Every structure is written in C-alpha cells, then in structure tokens.
Amino acid sequence: MQILEETGYVVLSSYAGDVIPAEWLELEYVDWLSSGVTRFAPLASAQGDIDCNGFWKFDPPKADKDGVWIESQTQIAPALTARAQAIGANVGRCRVIELQPNSYADALYNSHLDDNNRLNPEGEGWVVRCFMQLSDNPDSYMVLRDDIDDPSSEIRVPLPAGAQLVVDSERMWHSVWHQGDEPRYCLITSLESGPELEKWIWENDPINHVESAHIDPWLEAVQREEGMSRRDGRTAHYGYDPTRVAYDEA
C-alpha cells in the first residue's frame, strides 16, 4: 500500500470506544516466546484451534490469510473480535499478546521481522500487521527500525491504551520496550493489504512520520551496546540471525 511505502508504518488515531479488560484477561493463553517473555491468546488461527503456529505449518499449508475464528475465544472477547473484523480486510492470525516487563536492551535483542508473506500468492495483497494497544502503558514503546544495525532509523512510539499502528512488520524491525510492574496486552492482527484496509487506515487519521519518544542518552547508549552485543552473540552461536525472515527454512 502506498501509505506504507515511505516509512513502513502508520500511527492511527487512538481508539475511543469502550474496552473491557475481562475480554483479554479471561482468554485462554498459550506459552509462546516471541520478542520477550510472552504468552498469546489466539482469536483466529489456521484451523480454528488454540494454536499460534504460522499457517504454512499445517496440512494443507497456506498463506497468513483466511484465519478461522475460534468460537471459545471469540465468545469471551466479542468486542475485540468485532474490532478486528470491522477493518474489513482479510484476517490471518489474530491474537492477544501478553508481554512481561523488560528493558530497552531486551527490546533491541528481541527486535525481529515477521514471516507474514510465506506462500502468499503472486499478485495478492501483501500481509501487514495491525497493533491495537489494550493495556495502558504510556511509558512503554514500540521500537521500530528500518535497519536493525542503524540506530538513526529507530522510532519509538508510546503505547497508552488505545494506541493503534499498522506496520509492514516483514520490512520493519520491531519489538516493544515495556516498562512497568504488570504485563502489557495488545491485539495483533495479520491483514491483507487492499482497498478495505487502506480505506480503514485513512478513516483513522494516519501519520507516517512521528517524533521518536525521548529517552536518557546515557541509558540509550549503554543499553543499545548491551542489546546489540547480545544479538551478535546469538548470531555467532547459531551461525545465522534467527530474527530475520528466510523462506527457504521450514
């Protein structure tokens, strides 16, 4: 989509509707490490099961589209389900993430690209992700980089309740630096690019250039060095960077 071409992300107007914490707190979660100490509660999955695997891992394998809504979960969270469906775009994976508090160094270490478009047929819409912040964490940040090795490309977006972003997360390195004593909760939905998604984005006042949130320069420098050093160590251990997308791997 043209709106994402320049920066790879858009920040939308804050969600103004009612939120019901019980909808995400009472869901069934599964342990699923991704970008930190996390659990996930899927609302839509490849086959309608409580499962977080990529859709290509199933028989038959498919692209991250045409997710099957999980009745036992959507009954608990009808408003969250309706928010994802109201966008009007084809939905793939849809799930609530629970993230435990971490550090800026952790966020850089955990920064990754999403495997969104494996098996996506040629000529169909590119799959991107929508992030809808549920818990109120104004001192936590979505950390985006166009180049993981270039700190000048970093943007830090605050995450108060209601914050909404659409990110080409297969292009943009991303993670969350979550400060606080309680977990952070966010609804993450894979969406097919197309007229429906573009219309919804424009209806929500998109901004594709935001000023990065300020952090203490000394803290930034020290934790950046720690986080990137840990990344280098992991790459050396595996012989490759597991946070990159490689379609030739199973």
C-alpha atoms as a PDB file:
ATOM      1  CA  MET A   1       0.000   0.000   0.000  1.00  0.00           C
ATOM      2  CA  GLN A   2       1.224   3.448  -0.880  1.00  0.00           C
ATOM      3  CA  ILE A   3       0.622   4.772   2.648  1.00  0.00           C
ATOM      4  CA  LEU A   4       3.256   2.333   3.989  1.00  0.00           C
ATOM      5  CA  GLU A   5       5.817   2.665   1.212  1.00  0.00           C
ATOM      6  CA  GLU A   6       7.816   5.574   2.618  1.00  0.00           C
ATOM      7  CA  THR A   7       8.297   4.666   6.283  1.00  0.00           C
ATOM      8  CA  GLY A   8       6.841   1.162   6.657  1.00  0.00           C
ATOM      9  CA  TYR A   9       4.405   2.179   9.394  1.00  0.00           C
ATOM     10  CA  VAL A  10       1.463   4.433  10.215  1.00  0.00           C
ATOM     11  CA  VAL A  11       0.273   5.602  13.609  1.00  0.00           C
ATOM     12  CA  LEU A  12      -3.503   5.974  13.729  1.00  0.00           C
ATOM     13  CA  SER A  13      -5.842   7.946  15.934  1.00  0.00           C
ATOM     14  CA  SER A  14      -6.370   6.447  19.367  1.00  0.00           C
ATOM     15  CA  TYR A  15      -9.285   4.044  19.768  1.00  0.00           C
ATOM     16  CA  ALA A  16     -12.109   5.870  21.518  1.00  0.00           C
ATOM     17  CA  GLY A  17     -14.520   3.013  22.138  1.00  0.00           C
ATOM     18  CA  ASP A  18     -15.183   1.167  25.359  1.00  0.00           C
ATOM     19  CA  VAL A  19     -12.709  -1.513  26.407  1.00  0.00           C
ATOM     20  CA  ILE A  20     -13.422  -4.434  28.702  1.00  0.00           C
ATOM     21  CA  PRO A  21     -10.259  -5.822  30.360  1.00  0.00           C
ATOM     22  CA  ALA A  22     -12.024  -9.108  31.131  1.00  0.00           C
ATOM     23  CA  GLU A  23     -12.106  -9.766  27.394  1.00  0.00           C
ATOM     24  CA  TRP A  24      -8.331 -10.184  27.221  1.00  0.00           C
ATOM     25  CA  LEU A  25      -7.673 -11.287  30.794  1.00  0.00           C
ATOM     26  CA  GLU A  26     -10.072 -14.247  30.648  1.00  0.00           C
ATOM     27  CA  LEU A  27      -8.920 -15.653  27.307  1.00  0.00           C
ATOM     28  CA  GLU A  28      -7.062 -18.953  27.080  1.00  0.00           C
ATOM     29  CA  TYR A  29      -3.341 -18.245  26.631  1.00  0.00           C
ATOM     30  CA  VAL A  30      -0.553 -20.491  25.414  1.00  0.00           C
ATOM     31  CA  ASP A  31       3.139 -20.100  26.170  1.00  0.00           C
ATOM     32  CA  TRP A  32       4.727 -18.750  23.010  1.00  0.00           C
ATOM     33  CA  LEU A  33       8.030 -16.918  23.208  1.00  0.00           C
ATOM     34  CA  SER A  34       8.176 -14.007  20.791  1.00  0.00           C
ATOM     35  CA  SER A  35      10.010 -10.754  21.375  1.00  0.00           C
ATOM     36  CA  GLY A  36      10.435 -11.357  25.095  1.00  0.00           C
ATOM     37  CA  VAL A  37       8.673 -13.302  27.829  1.00  0.00           C
ATOM     38  CA  THR A  38       5.280 -13.683  26.206  1.00  0.00           C
ATOM     39  CA  ARG A  39       2.083 -15.652  26.013  1.00  0.00           C
ATOM     40  CA  PHE A  40      -0.519 -15.470  23.257  1.00  0.00           C
ATOM     41  CA  ALA A  41      -4.291 -15.890  23.208  1.00  0.00           C
ATOM     42  CA  PRO A  42      -5.394 -16.563  19.617  1.00  0.00           C
ATOM     43  CA  LEU A  43      -8.778 -15.374  18.393  1.00  0.00           C
ATOM     44  CA  ALA A  44      -8.227 -16.655  14.842  1.00  0.00           C
ATOM     45  CA  SER A  45      -5.813 -19.371  13.743  1.00  0.00           C
ATOM     46  CA  ALA A  46      -5.119 -21.590  10.743  1.00  0.00           C
ATOM     47  CA  GLN A  47      -7.756 -24.206  11.587  1.00  0.00           C
ATOM     48  CA  GLY A  48      -9.760 -22.675  14.415  1.00  0.00           C
ATOM     49  CA  ASP A  49      -7.743 -24.304  17.197  1.00  0.00           C
ATOM     50  CA  ILE A  50      -5.944 -22.670  20.137  1.00  0.00           C
ATOM     51  CA  ASP A  51      -2.711 -22.556  18.166  1.00  0.00           C
ATOM     52  CA  CYS A  52      -0.178 -19.843  17.320  1.00  0.00           C
ATOM     53  CA  ASN A  53       1.820 -21.542  14.565  1.00  0.00           C
ATOM     54  CA  GLY A  54       2.286 -19.989  11.158  1.00  0.00           C
ATOM     55  CA  PHE A  55      -0.334 -21.113   8.662  1.00  0.00           C
ATOM     56  CA  TRP A  56       2.301 -22.732   6.425  1.00  0.00           C
ATOM     57  CA  LYS A  57       2.980 -25.363   9.104  1.00  0.00           C
ATOM     58  CA  PHE A  58      -0.421 -27.028   8.610  1.00  0.00           C
ATOM     59  CA  ASP A  59      -1.754 -29.543   6.090  1.00  0.00           C
ATOM     60  CA  PRO A  60      -2.582 -28.116   3.699  1.00  0.00           C
ATOM     61  CA  PRO A  61      -0.211 -25.183   4.212  1.00  0.00           C
ATOM     62  CA  LYS A  62      -1.484 -21.729   3.349  1.00  0.00           C
ATOM     63  CA  ALA A  63      -0.591 -18.052   3.495  1.00  0.00           C
ATOM     64  CA  ASP A  64      -1.307 -15.934   6.584  1.00  0.00           C
ATOM     65  CA  LYS A  65      -4.855 -15.207   5.396  1.00  0.00           C
ATOM     66  CA  ASP A  66      -8.347 -16.638   5.828  1.00  0.00           C
ATOM     67  CA  GLY A  67      -7.926 -17.247   9.539  1.00  0.00           C
ATOM     68  CA  VAL A  68     -10.603 -19.331  11.248  1.00  0.00           C
ATOM     69  CA  TRP A  69     -12.230 -17.678  14.249  1.00  0.00           C
ATOM     70  CA  ILE A  70     -12.039 -19.693  17.471  1.00  0.00           C
ATOM     71  CA  GLU A  71     -15.538 -19.803  18.951  1.00  0.00           C
ATOM     72  CA  SER A  72     -14.445 -20.486  22.527  1.00  0.00           C
ATOM     73  CA  GLN A  73     -12.245 -17.367  22.402  1.00  0.00           C
ATOM     74  CA  THR A  74     -14.473 -15.021  20.430  1.00  0.00           C
ATOM     75  CA  GLN A  75     -17.328 -15.688  22.859  1.00  0.00           C
ATOM     76  CA  ILE A  76     -15.110 -14.351  25.648  1.00  0.00           C
ATOM     77  CA  ALA A  77     -13.902 -11.380  23.600  1.00  0.00           C
ATOM     78  CA  PRO A  78     -16.709 -10.296  21.260  1.00  0.00           C
ATOM     79  CA  ALA A  79     -15.676  -6.629  21.245  1.00  0.00           C
ATOM     80  CA  LEU A  80     -12.046  -7.424  20.391  1.00  0.00           C
ATOM     81  CA  THR A  81     -13.217  -9.773  17.658  1.00  0.00           C
ATOM     82  CA  ALA A  82     -15.510  -7.089  16.277  1.00  0.00           C
ATOM     83  CA  ARG A  83     -12.662  -4.543  16.214  1.00  0.00           C
ATOM     84  CA  ALA A  84     -10.529  -6.830  14.068  1.00  0.00           C
ATOM     85  CA  GLN A  85     -13.414  -7.745  11.775  1.00  0.00           C
ATOM     86  CA  ALA A  86     -14.591  -4.138  11.405  1.00  0.00           C
ATOM     87  CA  ILE A  87     -11.448  -3.281   9.449  1.00  0.00           C
ATOM     88  CA  GLY A  88     -12.958  -5.252   6.574  1.00  0.00           C
ATOM     89  CA  ALA A  89      -9.706  -6.773   5.334  1.00  0.00           C
ATOM     90  CA  ASN A  90      -8.870 -10.467   5.061  1.00  0.00           C
ATOM     91  CA  VAL A  91      -7.659 -11.594   8.510  1.00  0.00           C
ATOM     92  CA  GLY A  92      -4.970 -14.209   9.073  1.00  0.00           C
ATOM     93  CA  ARG A  93      -3.598 -14.679  12.558  1.00  0.00           C
ATOM     94  CA  CYS A  94      -5.398 -12.632  15.213  1.00  0.00           C
ATOM     95  CA  ARG A  95      -4.263 -12.862  18.817  1.00  0.00           C
ATOM     96  CA  VAL A  96      -3.698 -11.010  22.042  1.00  0.00           C
ATOM     97  CA  ILE A  97      -0.101 -10.842  23.243  1.00  0.00           C
ATOM     98  CA  GLU A  98       0.837 -10.703  26.908  1.00  0.00           C
ATOM     99  CA  LEU A  99       4.337  -9.262  27.385  1.00  0.00           C
ATOM    100  CA  GLN A 100       6.185  -9.147  30.689  1.00  0.00           C
ATOM    101  CA  PRO A 101       8.227  -6.034  31.606  1.00  0.00           C
ATOM    102  CA  ASN A 102      11.657  -5.767  30.010  1.00  0.00           C
ATOM    103  CA  SER A 103      14.497  -3.345  29.268  1.00  0.00           C
ATOM    104  CA  TYR A 104      15.490  -1.296  26.232  1.00  0.00           C
ATOM    105  CA  ALA A 105      18.402  -3.713  25.765  1.00  0.00           C
ATOM    106  CA  ASP A 106      15.919  -6.604  25.790  1.00  0.00           C
ATOM    107  CA  ALA A 107      13.818  -4.859  23.161  1.00  0.00           C
ATOM    108  CA  LEU A 108      16.796  -4.448  20.834  1.00  0.00           C
ATOM    109  CA  TYR A 109      17.827  -8.059  21.417  1.00  0.00           C
ATOM    110  CA  ASN A 110      14.293  -9.231  20.638  1.00  0.00           C
ATOM    111  CA  SER A 111      13.734  -6.995  17.611  1.00  0.00           C
ATOM    112  CA  HIS A 112      12.674  -9.121  14.655  1.00  0.00           C
ATOM    113  CA  LEU A 113      10.959  -9.312  11.301  1.00  0.00           C
ATOM    114  CA  ASP A 114       7.663 -11.178  10.910  1.00  0.00           C
ATOM    115  CA  ASP A 115       7.206 -14.042   8.475  1.00  0.00           C
ATOM    116  CA  ASN A 116       3.975 -12.639   7.071  1.00  0.00           C
ATOM    117  CA  ASN A 117       4.053 -13.496   3.378  1.00  0.00           C
ATOM    118  CA  ARG A 118       5.273 -17.062   3.096  1.00  0.00           C
ATOM    119  CA  LEU A 119       3.113 -18.822   0.460  1.00  0.00           C
ATOM    120  CA  ASN A 120       1.355 -15.551  -0.349  1.00  0.00           C
ATOM    121  CA  PRO A 121       0.303 -15.959  -3.998  1.00  0.00           C
ATOM    122  CA  GLU A 122       1.856 -13.645  -6.556  1.00  0.00           C
ATOM    123  CA  GLY A 123      -0.387 -10.690  -7.244  1.00  0.00           C
ATOM    124  CA  GLU A 124      -2.353 -10.864  -3.993  1.00  0.00           C
ATOM    125  CA  GLY A 125      -2.215  -8.254  -1.234  1.00  0.00           C
ATOM    126  CA  TRP A 126       0.884  -8.016   0.967  1.00  0.00           C
ATOM    127  CA  VAL A 127       0.209  -9.091   4.553  1.00  0.00           C
ATOM    128  CA  VAL A 128       0.921  -6.466   7.235  1.00  0.00           C
ATOM    129  CA  ARG A 129       0.092  -6.285  10.927  1.00  0.00           C
ATOM    130  CA  CYS A 130      -2.173  -4.069  12.975  1.00  0.00           C
ATOM    131  CA  PHE A 131      -1.293  -3.448  16.622  1.00  0.00           C
ATOM    132  CA  MET A 132      -4.117  -2.302  18.923  1.00  0.00           C
ATOM    133  CA  GLN A 133      -2.848  -1.451  22.400  1.00  0.00           C
ATOM    134  CA  LEU A 134      -5.174  -2.715  25.149  1.00  0.00           C
ATOM    135  CA  SER A 135      -3.441  -2.054  28.476  1.00  0.00           C
ATOM    136  CA  ASP A 136      -2.407   1.479  29.408  1.00  0.00           C
ATOM    137  CA  ASN A 137       1.394   1.654  29.142  1.00  0.00           C
ATOM    138  CA  PRO A 138       2.298   5.240  28.179  1.00  0.00           C
ATOM    139  CA  ASP A 139       5.908   4.746  29.307  1.00  0.00           C
ATOM    140  CA  SER A 140       6.351   1.700  27.077  1.00  0.00           C
ATOM    141  CA  TYR A 141       7.310   1.960  23.411  1.00  0.00           C
ATOM    142  CA  MET A 142       7.002   0.141  20.131  1.00  0.00           C
ATOM    143  CA  VAL A 143      10.587   0.248  18.869  1.00  0.00           C
ATOM    144  CA  LEU A 144      10.791   0.320  15.065  1.00  0.00           C
ATOM    145  CA  ARG A 145      13.886   0.266  12.881  1.00  0.00           C
ATOM    146  CA  ASP A 146      14.145   0.187   9.117  1.00  0.00           C
ATOM    147  CA  ASP A 147      17.670  -1.229   9.537  1.00  0.00           C
ATOM    148  CA  ILE A 148      18.424  -3.148  12.726  1.00  0.00           C
ATOM    149  CA  ASP A 149      22.070  -2.081  12.547  1.00  0.00           C
ATOM    150  CA  ASP A 150      21.296   1.622  12.070  1.00  0.00           C
ATOM    151  CA  PRO A 151      20.153   3.337  15.290  1.00  0.00           C
ATOM    152  CA  SER A 152      19.400   6.514  13.348  1.00  0.00           C
ATOM    153  CA  SER A 153      16.493   4.669  11.711  1.00  0.00           C
ATOM    154  CA  GLU A 154      14.850   3.998  15.087  1.00  0.00           C
ATOM    155  CA  ILE A 155      11.414   5.331  16.019  1.00  0.00           C
ATOM    156  CA  ARG A 156       9.923   4.814  19.494  1.00  0.00           C
ATOM    157  CA  VAL A 157       6.129   5.069  19.631  1.00  0.00           C
ATOM    158  CA  PRO A 158       4.440   5.385  23.071  1.00  0.00           C
ATOM    159  CA  LEU A 159       1.780   2.818  23.939  1.00  0.00           C
ATOM    160  CA  PRO A 160      -1.038   4.306  26.018  1.00  0.00           C
ATOM    161  CA  ALA A 161      -4.333   2.431  25.976  1.00  0.00           C
ATOM    162  CA  GLY A 162      -5.991   2.796  22.590  1.00  0.00           C
ATOM    163  CA  ALA A 163      -2.793   3.350  20.572  1.00  0.00           C
ATOM    164  CA  GLN A 164      -3.116   1.863  17.074  1.00  0.00           C
ATOM    165  CA  LEU A 165      -0.427   1.183  14.478  1.00  0.00           C
ATOM    166  CA  VAL A 166      -0.248  -0.617  11.152  1.00  0.00           C
ATOM    167  CA  VAL A 167       3.247  -1.879  10.378  1.00  0.00           C
ATOM    168  CA  ASP A 168       4.817  -3.668   7.449  1.00  0.00           C
ATOM    169  CA  SER A 169       6.419  -5.935  10.002  1.00  0.00           C
ATOM    170  CA  GLU A 170       8.209  -8.071   7.443  1.00  0.00           C
ATOM    171  CA  ARG A 171      10.124  -4.938   6.437  1.00  0.00           C
ATOM    172  CA  MET A 172      10.344  -3.075   9.750  1.00  0.00           C
ATOM    173  CA  TRP A 173      12.339  -4.456  12.666  1.00  0.00           C
ATOM    174  CA  HIS A 174      10.094  -4.216  15.689  1.00  0.00           C
ATOM    175  CA  SER A 175       9.740  -5.065  19.353  1.00  0.00           C
ATOM    176  CA  VAL A 176       8.346  -3.464  22.491  1.00  0.00           C
ATOM    177  CA  TRP A 177      10.212  -1.947  25.403  1.00  0.00           C
ATOM    178  CA  HIS A 178       7.732  -2.443  28.216  1.00  0.00           C
ATOM    179  CA  GLN A 179       8.338  -0.568  31.453  1.00  0.00           C
ATOM    180  CA  GLY A 180       6.101  -1.300  34.403  1.00  0.00           C
ATOM    181  CA  ASP A 181       5.127  -3.867  37.005  1.00  0.00           C
ATOM    182  CA  GLU A 182       2.299  -5.607  35.145  1.00  0.00           C
ATOM    183  CA  PRO A 183       2.083  -7.327  31.753  1.00  0.00           C
ATOM    184  CA  ARG A 184       1.312  -5.416  28.591  1.00  0.00           C
ATOM    185  CA  TYR A 185      -1.593  -6.546  26.401  1.00  0.00           C
ATOM    186  CA  CYS A 186      -2.084  -5.823  22.714  1.00  0.00           C
ATOM    187  CA  LEU A 187      -4.309  -7.193  19.945  1.00  0.00           C
ATOM    188  CA  ILE A 188      -2.184  -8.142  16.915  1.00  0.00           C
ATOM    189  CA  THR A 189      -3.885  -8.959  13.619  1.00  0.00           C
ATOM    190  CA  SER A 190      -2.432 -10.052  10.284  1.00  0.00           C
ATOM    191  CA  LEU A 191      -4.259  -8.197   7.496  1.00  0.00           C
ATOM    192  CA  GLU A 192      -4.144  -8.405   3.721  1.00  0.00           C
ATOM    193  CA  SER A 193      -3.334  -5.103   2.053  1.00  0.00           C
ATOM    194  CA  GLY A 194      -6.006  -3.843  -0.281  1.00  0.00           C
ATOM    195  CA  PRO A 195      -8.783  -1.270  -0.695  1.00  0.00           C
ATOM    196  CA  GLU A 196     -10.573  -2.314   2.505  1.00  0.00           C
ATOM    197  CA  LEU A 197      -7.522  -1.907   4.725  1.00  0.00           C
ATOM    198  CA  GLU A 198      -6.461   1.293   3.001  1.00  0.00           C
ATOM    199  CA  LYS A 199      -9.941   2.781   3.486  1.00  0.00           C
ATOM    200  CA  TRP A 200      -9.909   1.918   7.193  1.00  0.00           C
ATOM    201  CA  ILE A 201      -6.446   3.417   7.624  1.00  0.00           C
ATOM    202  CA  TRP A 202      -7.477   6.701   6.005  1.00  0.00           C
ATOM    203  CA  GLU A 203     -10.576   6.839   8.204  1.00  0.00           C
ATOM    204  CA  ASN A 204      -8.315   6.770  11.262  1.00  0.00           C
ATOM    205  CA  ASP A 205      -6.077   9.787  10.569  1.00  0.00           C
ATOM    206  CA  PRO A 206      -2.822   8.041   9.620  1.00  0.00           C
ATOM    207  CA  ILE A 207       0.550   9.637  10.355  1.00  0.00           C
ATOM    208  CA  ASN A 208       3.605   8.022   8.801  1.00  0.00           C
ATOM    209  CA  HIS A 209       6.188  10.336  10.370  1.00  0.00           C
ATOM    210  CA  VAL A 210       6.183  10.635  14.157  1.00  0.00           C
ATOM    211  CA  GLU A 211       8.752  12.102  16.504  1.00  0.00           C
ATOM    212  CA  SER A 212      10.593   9.394  18.385  1.00  0.00           C
ATOM    213  CA  ALA A 213       9.975   9.358  22.140  1.00  0.00           C
ATOM    214  CA  HIS A 214      12.915  10.757  24.106  1.00  0.00           C
ATOM    215  CA  ILE A 215      14.958   8.574  26.432  1.00  0.00           C
ATOM    216  CA  ASP A 216      18.010   9.394  28.527  1.00  0.00           C
ATOM    217  CA  PRO A 217      21.031   9.474  26.167  1.00  0.00           C
ATOM    218  CA  TRP A 218      23.305   7.647  28.624  1.00  0.00           C
ATOM    219  CA  LEU A 219      20.740   4.883  29.163  1.00  0.00           C
ATOM    220  CA  GLU A 220      20.167   4.650  25.435  1.00  0.00           C
ATOM    221  CA  ALA A 221      23.884   4.274  24.692  1.00  0.00           C
ATOM    222  CA  VAL A 222      24.597   1.715  27.424  1.00  0.00           C
ATOM    223  CA  GLN A 223      21.581  -0.464  26.724  1.00  0.00           C
ATOM    224  CA  ARG A 224      21.982  -0.201  22.978  1.00  0.00           C
ATOM    225  CA  GLU A 225      25.506  -1.573  23.293  1.00  0.00           C
ATOM    226  CA  GLU A 226      24.248  -4.396  25.523  1.00  0.00           C
ATOM    227  CA  GLY A 227      21.330  -5.306  23.279  1.00  0.00           C
ATOM    228  CA  MET A 228      23.327  -5.314  20.059  1.00  0.00           C
ATOM    229  CA  SER A 229      26.168  -7.259  21.679  1.00  0.00           C
ATOM    230  CA  ARG A 230      23.669  -9.925  22.730  1.00  0.00           C
ATOM    231  CA  ARG A 231      22.343 -10.039  19.173  1.00  0.00           C
ATOM    232  CA  ASP A 232      25.854 -10.557  17.832  1.00  0.00           C
ATOM    233  CA  GLY A 233      26.422 -13.368  20.322  1.00  0.00           C
ATOM    234  CA  ARG A 234      23.218 -15.129  19.286  1.00  0.00           C
ATOM    235  CA  THR A 235      24.084 -14.853  15.600  1.00  0.00           C
ATOM    236  CA  ALA A 236      27.537 -16.279  16.277  1.00  0.00           C
ATOM    237  CA  HIS A 237      26.005 -19.156  18.249  1.00  0.00           C
ATOM    238  CA  TYR A 238      23.529 -20.166  15.532  1.00  0.00           C
ATOM    239  CA  GLY A 239      25.627 -19.203  12.537  1.00  0.00           C
ATOM    240  CA  TYR A 240      22.765 -17.028  11.265  1.00  0.00           C
ATOM    241  CA  ASP A 241      20.355 -14.400  12.587  1.00  0.00           C
ATOM    242  CA  PRO A 242      17.126 -16.197  13.609  1.00  0.00           C
ATOM    243  CA  THR A 243      15.222 -12.905  13.795  1.00  0.00           C
ATOM    244  CA  ARG A 244      15.377 -12.454  10.022  1.00  0.00           C
ATOM    245  CA  VAL A 245      12.861 -13.955   7.587  1.00  0.00           C
ATOM    246  CA  ALA A 246      14.145 -16.828   5.449  1.00  0.00           C
ATOM    247  CA  TYR A 247      11.511 -18.527   3.309  1.00  0.00           C
ATOM    248  CA  ASP A 248      13.849 -21.376   2.404  1.00  0.00           C
ATOM    249  CA  GLU A 249      13.757 -22.605   6.000  1.00  0.00           C
ATOM    250  CA  ALA A 250      10.984 -24.893   7.246  1.00  0.00           C
END
